[in-house]
């Protein structure tokens, strides 16, 4: 596998993320990468694959853009396919350590205060009413995580979210 310069990938992904859904902007990717850096070593993950995949999270619909970028940087077809597969499977059906860690990173970022803020930013971007956005956020609260690290964080963040929605309900009655 090519060594790859993660700084070049960061720059590329930041440019790609500059336009579009504010809930999936560059800071979201930075939080995912940070989570992966913490959890990956504990889970004995392939850090090269995990970090490369984390940067491309949410871009699986732009496979050719990613593949062309990686090819232009000397990545082999095999390495590119591993990255693309990990990105795709982390969202759909995570089986490998790397897919599960990236999945958990995304779920954790959809929970707690950050998750609520991201949910309402996305809801506004998509012109959703508050009830629809609330349902989408609450759906995230039911999603499974695979690592012990994520499980502990998930519990804390869901508790915060339940209190938030309880307060929101009380305030909405007036």
Foldseek 3Di string as FASTA:
>chain_A
DDQDDVVVLLVVLQVVQVDDQPLPHSVLLVQLLVQCVVVCVVLVHPNSLLNLLSSCAPVLVVLVVQVVVVVVVPDDPVSSVSSSVLNVCLCPPDDDPSSQSSVLSNLLCCFAPNVLVSLVSRCVVVVHDPVVSVVVSVVSLPDDHDDPVSVVSSVVRVVRVVVVVVVVVVVVVD
